[in-house]
C-alpha atoms as a PDB file:
ATOM      1  CA  PRO A   1       0.195  12.357 -19.760  1.00  0.00           C
ATOM      2  CA  GLU A   2      -0.210  14.002 -23.165  1.00  0.00           C
ATOM      3  CA  ASN A   3      -3.978  14.104 -22.612  1.00  0.00           C
ATOM      4  CA  LEU A   4      -3.724  16.284 -19.538  1.00  0.00           C
ATOM      5  CA  THR A   5      -5.602  19.568 -19.671  1.00  0.00           C
ATOM      6  CA  PRO A   6      -4.943  22.664 -17.544  1.00  0.00           C
ATOM      7  CA  SER A   7      -6.176  22.078 -14.005  1.00  0.00           C
ATOM      8  CA  ALA A   8      -6.817  24.158 -10.950  1.00  0.00           C
ATOM      9  CA  PRO A   9      -3.596  25.062  -9.108  1.00  0.00           C
ATOM     10  CA  GLU A  10      -5.106  24.281  -5.719  1.00  0.00           C
ATOM     11  CA  LEU A  11      -7.198  21.563  -4.168  1.00  0.00           C
ATOM     12  CA  PRO A  12     -10.960  22.066  -4.432  1.00  0.00           C
ATOM     13  CA  GLU A  13     -12.646  23.016  -1.168  1.00  0.00           C
ATOM     14  CA  ALA A  14     -14.312  19.613  -0.669  1.00  0.00           C
ATOM     15  CA  GLU A  15     -11.045  17.702  -1.132  1.00  0.00           C
ATOM     16  CA  ARG A  16      -9.240  20.163   1.148  1.00  0.00           C
ATOM     17  CA  ARG A  17     -11.764  19.526   3.922  1.00  0.00           C
ATOM     18  CA  ASP A  18     -11.426  15.757   3.449  1.00  0.00           C
ATOM     19  CA  LEU A  19      -7.633  16.066   3.602  1.00  0.00           C
ATOM     20  CA  PHE A  20      -7.750  18.044   6.855  1.00  0.00           C
ATOM     21  CA  ALA A  21     -10.204  15.546   8.345  1.00  0.00           C
ATOM     22  CA  ALA A  22      -7.988  12.612   7.347  1.00  0.00           C
ATOM     23  CA  ALA A  23      -4.933  14.366   8.805  1.00  0.00           C
ATOM     24  CA  ALA A  24      -6.804  14.992  12.076  1.00  0.00           C
ATOM     25  CA  VAL A  25      -7.921  11.358  12.329  1.00  0.00           C
ATOM     26  CA  THR A  26      -4.390  10.122  11.581  1.00  0.00           C
ATOM     27  CA  ALA A  27      -2.886  12.451  14.187  1.00  0.00           C
ATOM     28  CA  HIS A  28      -5.458  11.367  16.783  1.00  0.00           C
ATOM     29  CA  MET A  29      -4.755   7.701  16.069  1.00  0.00           C
ATOM     30  CA  LEU A  30      -0.992   8.142  16.390  1.00  0.00           C
ATOM     31  CA  LEU A  31      -1.361  10.123  19.634  1.00  0.00           C
ATOM     32  CA  GLU A  32      -3.653   7.433  21.027  1.00  0.00           C
ATOM     33  CA  LEU A  33      -1.063   4.852  20.069  1.00  0.00           C
ATOM     34  CA  VAL A  34       1.624   6.784  21.950  1.00  0.00           C
ATOM     35  CA  ARG A  35      -0.575   7.309  25.029  1.00  0.00           C
ATOM     36  CA  SER A  36      -1.592   3.647  25.265  1.00  0.00           C
ATOM     37  CA  GLY A  37       1.816   2.290  24.303  1.00  0.00           C
ATOM     38  CA  GLY A  38       0.099   0.208  21.635  1.00  0.00           C
ATOM     39  CA  HIS A  39      -1.605  -1.983  24.234  1.00  0.00           C
ATOM     40  CA  ARG A  40      -5.212  -0.898  23.770  1.00  0.00           C
ATOM     41  CA  SER A  41      -6.958  -3.453  21.579  1.00  0.00           C
ATOM     42  CA  VAL A  42      -9.269  -1.143  19.634  1.00  0.00           C
ATOM     43  CA  SER A  43      -6.656   1.469  18.731  1.00  0.00           C
ATOM     44  CA  ALA A  44      -4.069  -1.225  17.914  1.00  0.00           C
ATOM     45  CA  ALA A  45      -6.521  -3.067  15.648  1.00  0.00           C
ATOM     46  CA  MET A  46      -7.568   0.143  13.898  1.00  0.00           C
ATOM     47  CA  LEU A  47      -3.990   0.871  12.851  1.00  0.00           C
ATOM     48  CA  PRO A  48      -3.662  -1.788  10.105  1.00  0.00           C
ATOM     49  CA  PHE A  49      -7.205  -1.082   8.918  1.00  0.00           C
ATOM     50  CA  SER A  50      -6.204   2.567   8.567  1.00  0.00           C
ATOM     51  CA  VAL A  51      -3.394   1.596   6.196  1.00  0.00           C
ATOM     52  CA  LEU A  52      -5.905  -0.091   3.903  1.00  0.00           C
ATOM     53  CA  ALA A  53      -8.442   2.725   4.295  1.00  0.00           C
ATOM     54  CA  GLY A  54      -5.752   5.317   3.555  1.00  0.00           C
ATOM     55  CA  ILE A  55      -4.730   3.567   0.357  1.00  0.00           C
ATOM     56  CA  ILE A  56      -8.338   3.312  -0.852  1.00  0.00           C
ATOM     57  CA  ALA A  57      -9.183   6.919   0.057  1.00  0.00           C
ATOM     58  CA  THR A  58      -6.022   8.329  -1.556  1.00  0.00           C
ATOM     59  CA  LEU A  59      -6.494   6.397  -4.792  1.00  0.00           C
ATOM     60  CA  GLU A  60     -10.174   7.321  -5.032  1.00  0.00           C
ATOM     61  CA  ALA A  61      -9.690  11.035  -4.309  1.00  0.00           C
ATOM     62  CA  CYS A  62      -6.697  11.381  -6.636  1.00  0.00           C
ATOM     63  CA  TYR A  63      -8.561   9.537  -9.386  1.00  0.00           C
ATOM     64  CA  ARG A  64     -11.494  11.958  -9.157  1.00  0.00           C
ATOM     65  CA  LEU A  65      -9.155  14.945  -9.528  1.00  0.00           C
ATOM     66  CA  HIS A  66      -7.154  13.269 -12.289  1.00  0.00           C
ATOM     67  CA  ARG A  67     -10.314  12.476 -14.238  1.00  0.00           C
ATOM     68  CA  LYS A  68     -11.379  16.119 -14.106  1.00  0.00           C
ATOM     69  CA  ALA A  69      -8.063  17.033 -15.730  1.00  0.00           C
ATOM     70  CA  THR A  70      -8.040  14.299 -18.389  1.00  0.00           C
ATOM     71  CA  GLY A  71     -11.722  13.864 -19.186  1.00  0.00           C
ATOM     72  CA  PRO A  72     -14.083  10.915 -18.676  1.00  0.00           C
ATOM     73  CA  ASP A  73     -12.970   9.086 -21.846  1.00  0.00           C
ATOM     74  CA  ALA A  74      -9.287   8.860 -20.911  1.00  0.00           C
ATOM     75  CA  ALA A  75      -7.715   5.496 -20.155  1.00  0.00           C
ATOM     76  CA  LEU A  76      -7.426   4.420 -16.544  1.00  0.00           C
ATOM     77  CA  PRO A  77      -4.259   6.057 -15.196  1.00  0.00           C
ATOM     78  CA  GLY A  78      -1.515   4.103 -13.500  1.00  0.00           C
ATOM     79  CA  VAL A  79      -1.120   4.618  -9.774  1.00  0.00           C
ATOM     80  CA  SER A  80       1.939   6.817 -10.239  1.00  0.00           C
ATOM     81  CA  GLU A  81       0.153   8.940 -12.856  1.00  0.00           C
ATOM     82  CA  LEU A  82      -2.396  10.028 -10.257  1.00  0.00           C
ATOM     83  CA  GLY A  83       0.166  12.518  -8.973  1.00  0.00           C
ATOM     84  CA  LEU A  84       0.828  14.187 -12.328  1.00  0.00           C
ATOM     85  CA  THR A  85      -1.797  16.929 -12.168  1.00  0.00           C
ATOM     86  CA  THR A  86      -1.336  19.919  -9.890  1.00  0.00           C
ATOM     87  CA  PRO A  87      -4.291  19.535  -7.508  1.00  0.00           C
ATOM     88  CA  ALA A  88      -4.012  15.745  -7.285  1.00  0.00           C
ATOM     89  CA  ARG A  89      -0.273  15.960  -6.637  1.00  0.00           C
ATOM     90  CA  SER A  90      -0.718  17.549  -3.209  1.00  0.00           C
ATOM     91  CA  LEU A  91      -3.336  14.977  -2.252  1.00  0.00           C
ATOM     92  CA  TYR A  92      -1.200  12.101  -3.523  1.00  0.00           C
ATOM     93  CA  ARG A  93       1.809  13.408  -1.600  1.00  0.00           C
ATOM     94  CA  CYS A  94      -0.057  13.939   1.686  1.00  0.00           C
ATOM     95  CA  GLY A  95      -1.870  10.611   1.400  1.00  0.00           C
ATOM     96  CA  SER A  96       1.355   8.708   0.755  1.00  0.00           C
ATOM     97  CA  ILE A  97       3.101  10.314   3.727  1.00  0.00           C
ATOM     98  CA  GLY A  98       0.147   9.526   5.985  1.00  0.00           C
ATOM     99  CA  ILE A  99       0.019   5.908   4.804  1.00  0.00           C
ATOM    100  CA  SER A 100       3.771   5.638   5.340  1.00  0.00           C
ATOM    101  CA  LEU A 101       3.466   6.780   8.969  1.00  0.00           C
ATOM    102  CA  LEU A 102       0.600   4.373   9.628  1.00  0.00           C
ATOM    103  CA  LEU A 103       2.484   1.529   7.958  1.00  0.00           C
ATOM    104  CA  ALA A 104       5.638   2.207   9.993  1.00  0.00           C
ATOM    105  CA  CYS A 105       3.568   2.158  13.197  1.00  0.00           C
ATOM    106  CA  THR A 106       1.906  -1.078  12.083  1.00  0.00           C
ATOM    107  CA  VAL A 107       5.316  -2.667  11.549  1.00  0.00           C
ATOM    108  CA  ARG A 108       6.408  -1.485  14.998  1.00  0.00           C
ATOM    109  CA  GLN A 109       3.274  -3.030  16.529  1.00  0.00           C
ATOM    110  CA  TYR A 110       4.005  -6.203  14.576  1.00  0.00           C
ATOM    111  CA  SER A 111       7.489  -6.386  16.097  1.00  0.00           C
ATOM    112  CA  THR A 112       6.405  -5.621  19.674  1.00  0.00           C
ATOM    113  CA  LEU A 113       3.100  -7.526  19.852  1.00  0.00           C
ATOM    114  CA  LEU A 114       3.379 -10.434  17.440  1.00  0.00           C
ATOM    115  CA  LEU A 115       7.018 -11.414  17.189  1.00  0.00           C
ATOM    116  CA  PRO A 116       7.317 -12.259  20.904  1.00  0.00           C
ATOM    117  CA  GLN A 117       4.501 -14.749  20.293  1.00  0.00           C
ATOM    118  CA  LEU A 118       6.289 -16.308  17.344  1.00  0.00           C
ATOM    119  CA  SER A 119      10.028 -16.066  17.227  1.00  0.00           C
ATOM    120  CA  GLU A 120      12.292 -18.751  18.599  1.00  0.00           C
ATOM    121  CA  SER A 121      16.051 -18.433  18.575  1.00  0.00           C
ATOM    122  CA  ALA A 122      16.247 -20.312  15.276  1.00  0.00           C
ATOM    123  CA  ALA A 123      13.852 -17.852  13.650  1.00  0.00           C
ATOM    124  CA  ALA A 124      15.413 -14.698  15.111  1.00  0.00           C
ATOM    125  CA  ALA A 125      17.027 -13.749  11.804  1.00  0.00           C
ATOM    126  CA  ARG A 126      13.743 -14.078   9.905  1.00  0.00           C
ATOM    127  CA  ALA A 127      11.958 -12.078  12.591  1.00  0.00           C
ATOM    128  CA  ALA A 128      14.421  -9.198  12.269  1.00  0.00           C
ATOM    129  CA  GLU A 129      14.234  -9.494   8.482  1.00  0.00           C
ATOM    130  CA  SER A 130      10.446  -9.227   8.444  1.00  0.00           C
ATOM    131  CA  THR A 131      10.534  -6.111  10.626  1.00  0.00           C
ATOM    132  CA  ASN A 132      13.315  -4.358   8.732  1.00  0.00           C
ATOM    133  CA  MET A 133      11.743  -4.987   5.332  1.00  0.00           C
ATOM    134  CA  GLY A 134       8.426  -3.701   6.634  1.00  0.00           C
ATOM    135  CA  TYR A 135      10.175  -0.436   7.473  1.00  0.00           C
ATOM    136  CA  VAL A 136      11.729  -0.421   3.988  1.00  0.00           C
ATOM    137  CA  ALA A 137       8.220  -0.697   2.517  1.00  0.00           C
ATOM    138  CA  ALA A 138       7.035   2.212   4.671  1.00  0.00           C
ATOM    139  CA  LEU A 139      10.012   4.325   3.605  1.00  0.00           C
ATOM    140  CA  GLY A 140       9.389   3.455  -0.036  1.00  0.00           C
ATOM    141  CA  MET A 141       5.770   4.584   0.281  1.00  0.00           C
ATOM    142  CA  ALA A 142       6.918   7.958   1.595  1.00  0.00           C
ATOM    143  CA  VAL A 143       9.642   8.416  -1.034  1.00  0.00           C
ATOM    144  CA  GLN A 144       7.394   7.641  -4.004  1.00  0.00           C
ATOM    145  CA  GLY A 145       4.818  10.081  -2.618  1.00  0.00           C
ATOM    146  CA  ILE A 146       7.219  12.937  -1.904  1.00  0.00           C
ATOM    147  CA  PHE A 147       8.957  12.589  -5.273  1.00  0.00           C
ATOM    148  CA  THR A 148       5.915  12.338  -7.528  1.00  0.00           C
ATOM    149  CA  LEU A 149       6.086  11.172 -11.135  1.00  0.00           C
ATOM    150  CA  GLU A 150       6.954  13.739 -13.799  1.00  0.00           C
ATOM    151  CA  VAL A 151       6.155  13.552 -17.509  1.00  0.00           C
ATOM    152  CA  GLY A 152       9.793  13.324 -18.610  1.00  0.00           C
ATOM    153  CA  LEU A 153      12.674  11.279 -17.253  1.00  0.00           C
ATOM    154  CA  SER A 154      14.182  13.299 -14.426  1.00  0.00           C
ATOM    155  CA  PRO A 155      15.917  12.755 -11.072  1.00  0.00           C
ATOM    156  CA  GLN A 156      12.537  13.170  -9.375  1.00  0.00           C
ATOM    157  CA  THR A 157      10.990  10.493 -11.579  1.00  0.00           C
ATOM    158  CA  LEU A 158      13.878   8.131 -10.806  1.00  0.00           C
ATOM    159  CA  MET A 159      13.426   8.756  -7.076  1.00  0.00           C
ATOM    160  CA  HIS A 160       9.711   8.053  -7.477  1.00  0.00           C
ATOM    161  CA  PHE A 161      10.348   4.710  -9.147  1.00  0.00           C
ATOM    162  CA  ALA A 162      13.007   3.837  -6.555  1.00  0.00           C
ATOM    163  CA  GLY A 163      10.441   4.464  -3.804  1.00  0.00           C
ATOM    164  CA  ALA A 164       7.799   2.396  -5.584  1.00  0.00           C
ATOM    165  CA  VAL A 165      10.230  -0.507  -6.025  1.00  0.00           C
ATOM    166  CA  ALA A 166      11.219  -0.263  -2.339  1.00  0.00           C
ATOM    167  CA  PHE A 167       7.552  -0.427  -1.312  1.00  0.00           C
ATOM    168  CA  VAL A 168       6.816  -3.481  -3.473  1.00  0.00           C
ATOM    169  CA  LEU A 169      10.005  -5.413  -2.732  1.00  0.00           C
ATOM    170  CA  GLY A 170       9.922  -4.462   0.944  1.00  0.00           C
ATOM    171  CA  THR A 171       6.373  -5.747   1.245  1.00  0.00           C
ATOM    172  CA  VAL A 172       7.106  -8.985  -0.630  1.00  0.00           C
ATOM    173  CA  TRP A 173      10.229  -9.623   1.438  1.00  0.00           C
ATOM    174  CA  HIS A 174       8.426  -8.811   4.692  1.00  0.00           C
ATOM    175  CA  ALA A 175       5.570 -11.114   3.697  1.00  0.00           C
ATOM    176  CA  ASP A 176       7.887 -14.003   2.829  1.00  0.00           C
ATOM    177  CA  ALA A 177       9.579 -13.846   6.232  1.00  0.00           C
ATOM    178  CA  ALA A 178       6.312 -13.273   8.117  1.00  0.00           C
ATOM    179  CA  ASN A 179       4.567 -16.178   6.405  1.00  0.00           C
ATOM    180  CA  GLU A 180       7.381 -18.486   7.475  1.00  0.00           C
ATOM    181  CA  LEU A 181       7.145 -17.254  11.071  1.00  0.00           C
ATOM    182  CA  PHE A 182       3.368 -17.675  11.152  1.00  0.00           C
ATOM    183  CA  ALA A 183       3.532 -21.232   9.804  1.00  0.00           C
ATOM    184  CA  ASP A 184       3.720 -22.652  13.325  1.00  0.00           C
ATOM    185  CA  LEU A 185       1.823 -20.727  16.024  1.00  0.00           C
ATOM    186  CA  GLY A 186       2.403 -23.352  18.693  1.00  0.00           C
ATOM    187  CA  ASP A 187       0.263 -22.722  21.771  1.00  0.00           C
ATOM    188  CA  SER A 188       0.362 -18.919  21.521  1.00  0.00           C
ATOM    189  CA  ALA A 189      -2.685 -16.679  21.867  1.00  0.00           C
ATOM    190  CA  LEU A 190      -2.740 -16.365  18.081  1.00  0.00           C
ATOM    191  CA  ALA A 191      -3.436 -20.087  17.723  1.00  0.00           C
ATOM    192  CA  LEU A 192      -6.637 -19.755  19.760  1.00  0.00           C
ATOM    193  CA  SER A 193      -8.287 -17.211  17.435  1.00  0.00           C
ATOM    194  CA  PRO A 194     -10.179 -18.464  14.350  1.00  0.00           C
ATOM    195  CA  ALA A 195     -10.017 -14.933  12.910  1.00  0.00           C
ATOM    196  CA  VAL A 196      -6.227 -15.045  13.020  1.00  0.00           C
ATOM    197  CA  GLY A 197      -6.277 -18.308  11.059  1.00  0.00           C
ATOM    198  CA  VAL A 198      -8.356 -16.659   8.356  1.00  0.00           C
ATOM    199  CA  ALA A 199      -6.066 -13.610   8.360  1.00  0.00           C
ATOM    200  CA  ILE A 200      -2.965 -15.780   7.940  1.00  0.00           C
ATOM    201  CA  ALA A 201      -4.546 -17.635   5.007  1.00  0.00           C
ATOM    202  CA  LEU A 202      -5.560 -14.325   3.406  1.00  0.00           C
ATOM    203  CA  ARG A 203      -2.068 -12.924   3.816  1.00  0.00           C
ATOM    204  CA  ARG A 204      -0.642 -15.959   2.045  1.00  0.00           C
ATOM    205  CA  ILE A 205      -3.016 -15.417  -0.863  1.00  0.00           C
ATOM    206  CA  CYS A 206      -2.134 -11.721  -1.014  1.00  0.00           C
ATOM    207  CA  SER A 207       1.612 -12.295  -0.902  1.00  0.00           C
ATOM    208  CA  GLU A 208       2.454 -15.569  -2.610  1.00  0.00           C
ATOM    209  CA  GLY A 209       0.512 -16.098  -5.829  1.00  0.00           C
ATOM    210  CA  LEU A 210      -1.543 -12.988  -6.474  1.00  0.00           C
ATOM    211  CA  PRO A 211       1.273 -10.388  -6.791  1.00  0.00           C
ATOM    212  CA  VAL A 212       3.081 -12.521  -9.354  1.00  0.00           C
ATOM    213  CA  MET A 213      -0.118 -12.961 -11.352  1.00  0.00           C
ATOM    214  CA  LEU A 214      -0.824  -9.215 -11.308  1.00  0.00           C
ATOM    215  CA  LEU A 215       2.706  -8.443 -12.461  1.00  0.00           C
ATOM    216  CA  LEU A 216       2.475 -11.020 -15.258  1.00  0.00           C
ATOM    217  CA  VAL A 217      -0.905  -9.882 -16.655  1.00  0.00           C
ATOM    218  CA  PRO A 218       0.440  -6.872 -18.635  1.00  0.00           C
ATOM    219  CA  LEU A 219       3.458  -8.886 -19.814  1.00  0.00           C
ATOM    220  CA  CYS A 220       1.250 -11.723 -21.069  1.00  0.00           C
ATOM    221  CA  ILE A 221      -1.037  -9.325 -22.919  1.00  0.00           C
ATOM    222  CA  GLN A 222       1.885  -7.660 -24.659  1.00  0.00           C
ATOM    223  CA  THR A 223       3.456 -11.037 -25.501  1.00  0.00           C
ATOM    224  CA  CYS A 224       0.210 -12.338 -27.019  1.00  0.00           C
ATOM    225  CA  GLN A 225      -0.148  -9.118 -28.979  1.00  0.00           C
ATOM    226  CA  TRP A 226       3.354  -9.559 -30.415  1.00  0.00           C
ATOM    227  CA  ALA A 227       3.001 -13.294 -31.122  1.00  0.00           C
ATOM    228  CA  THR A 228      -0.384 -13.104 -32.837  1.00  0.00           C
ATOM    229  CA  ALA A 229       0.010  -9.670 -34.422  1.00  0.00           C
ATOM    230  CA  LEU A 230      -3.245  -8.780 -32.691  1.00  0.00           C
ATOM    231  CA  GLU A 231      -4.006  -5.089 -32.617  1.00  0.00           C
ATOM    232  CA  ILE A 232      -4.956  -3.910 -29.153  1.00  0.00           C
ATOM    233  CA  ARG A 233      -5.936  -0.303 -28.787  1.00  0.00           C
ATOM    234  CA  GLY A 234      -3.414   1.694 -26.770  1.00  0.00           C
ATOM    235  CA  GLY A 235      -6.042   2.942 -24.355  1.00  0.00           C
ATOM    236  CA  ARG A 236      -7.323  -0.568 -23.646  1.00  0.00           C
ATOM    237  CA  LEU A 237      -3.809  -1.925 -23.040  1.00  0.00           C
ATOM    238  CA  GLN A 238      -2.934   1.028 -20.818  1.00  0.00           C
ATOM    239  CA  SER A 239      -6.127   0.532 -18.816  1.00  0.00           C
ATOM    240  CA  THR A 240      -5.314  -3.157 -18.335  1.00  0.00           C
ATOM    241  CA  VAL A 241      -1.771  -2.403 -17.155  1.00  0.00           C
ATOM    242  CA  SER A 242      -3.082   0.340 -14.855  1.00  0.00           C
ATOM    243  CA  ALA A 243      -5.792  -1.923 -13.433  1.00  0.00           C
ATOM    244  CA  ALA A 244      -3.116  -4.491 -12.561  1.00  0.00           C
ATOM    245  CA  GLN A 245      -1.155  -1.764 -10.750  1.00  0.00           C
ATOM    246  CA  TRP A 246      -4.221  -0.681  -8.797  1.00  0.00           C
ATOM    247  CA  ALA A 247      -5.007  -4.283  -7.874  1.00  0.00           C
ATOM    248  CA  LEU A 248      -1.416  -4.870  -6.720  1.00  0.00           C
ATOM    249  CA  VAL A 249      -1.424  -1.825  -4.426  1.00  0.00           C
ATOM    250  CA  LEU A 250      -4.869  -2.671  -3.019  1.00  0.00           C
ATOM    251  CA  ASN A 251      -3.737  -6.269  -2.571  1.00  0.00           C
ATOM    252  CA  PHE A 252      -0.838  -5.093  -0.397  1.00  0.00           C
ATOM    253  CA  GLY A 253      -3.231  -2.858   1.517  1.00  0.00           C
ATOM    254  CA  VAL A 254      -5.395  -5.878   2.324  1.00  0.00           C
ATOM    255  CA  PHE A 255      -2.273  -7.792   3.368  1.00  0.00           C
ATOM    256  CA  TYR A 256      -1.322  -5.183   5.958  1.00  0.00           C
ATOM    257  CA  GLY A 257      -4.941  -4.642   7.008  1.00  0.00           C
ATOM    258  CA  THR A 258      -5.299  -8.255   8.145  1.00  0.00           C
ATOM    259  CA  TYR A 259      -2.801  -7.646  10.953  1.00  0.00           C
ATOM    260  CA  ALA A 260      -5.706  -6.011  12.789  1.00  0.00           C
ATOM    261  CA  PHE A 261      -7.020  -9.460  13.714  1.00  0.00           C
ATOM    262  CA  ASP A 262      -3.634 -10.534  15.062  1.00  0.00           C
ATOM    263  CA  PHE A 263      -3.229  -7.391  17.156  1.00  0.00           C
ATOM    264  CA  PHE A 264      -6.714  -7.746  18.606  1.00  0.00           C
ATOM    265  CA  ALA A 265      -6.092 -11.401  19.491  1.00  0.00           C
ATOM    266  CA  VAL A 266      -2.929 -10.803  21.534  1.00  0.00           C
ATOM    267  CA  ILE A 267      -4.079  -7.746  23.557  1.00  0.00           C
END
């Protein structure tokens, strides 16, 4: 944050056009979802993919604007730091809100299309748990985007971190319940699709071992630095921690994106 230089108060024209185009596509997708009731295979399958695409597009666009403000030699910023500069803040906020809406709709589709294929009376509690925590993750995405990070500790910064924690924990909790429900597909339509089998395996990878590893990477580096008295440049350590954050967010985007195969299989 101390390396930030004065930046343009408004979004550049190219980014503004991209933002309007993304908003139009999101609005069209949500309207199509309402018109079809979520029972048109192409539009239903595009919804989870749009969550992943929205995360990638928001990170990439905010990074470009952040780099203009900090210079090409600055360390890789953390995900939350992408909303520090004035022009990137608006893009970060709008992107997060859009992703939150798409994620909430994906969770609704999950509950209406997939859970009837999976849940027995014994698993009803886990089914409700997976849905509710998915909505918590969507709400957390919106909160951390609306209340962007500030340089100092402030109520807005605390709200931002609360939203980020809600997104991560909501996703992990949703994934734990969903993985248990998907363990036995029985003779449902999902069991007949090879693509769904691959998607389930990928979701397990994205939710069980990989998040823990990504969270432990910065901690291990700092522990080794302390134990061996090894000097690691601040910029290199910050870049490593930031890269782990980026990978964690993209990992969760892939997790939600794989639901596209499940939606397509049951419609």
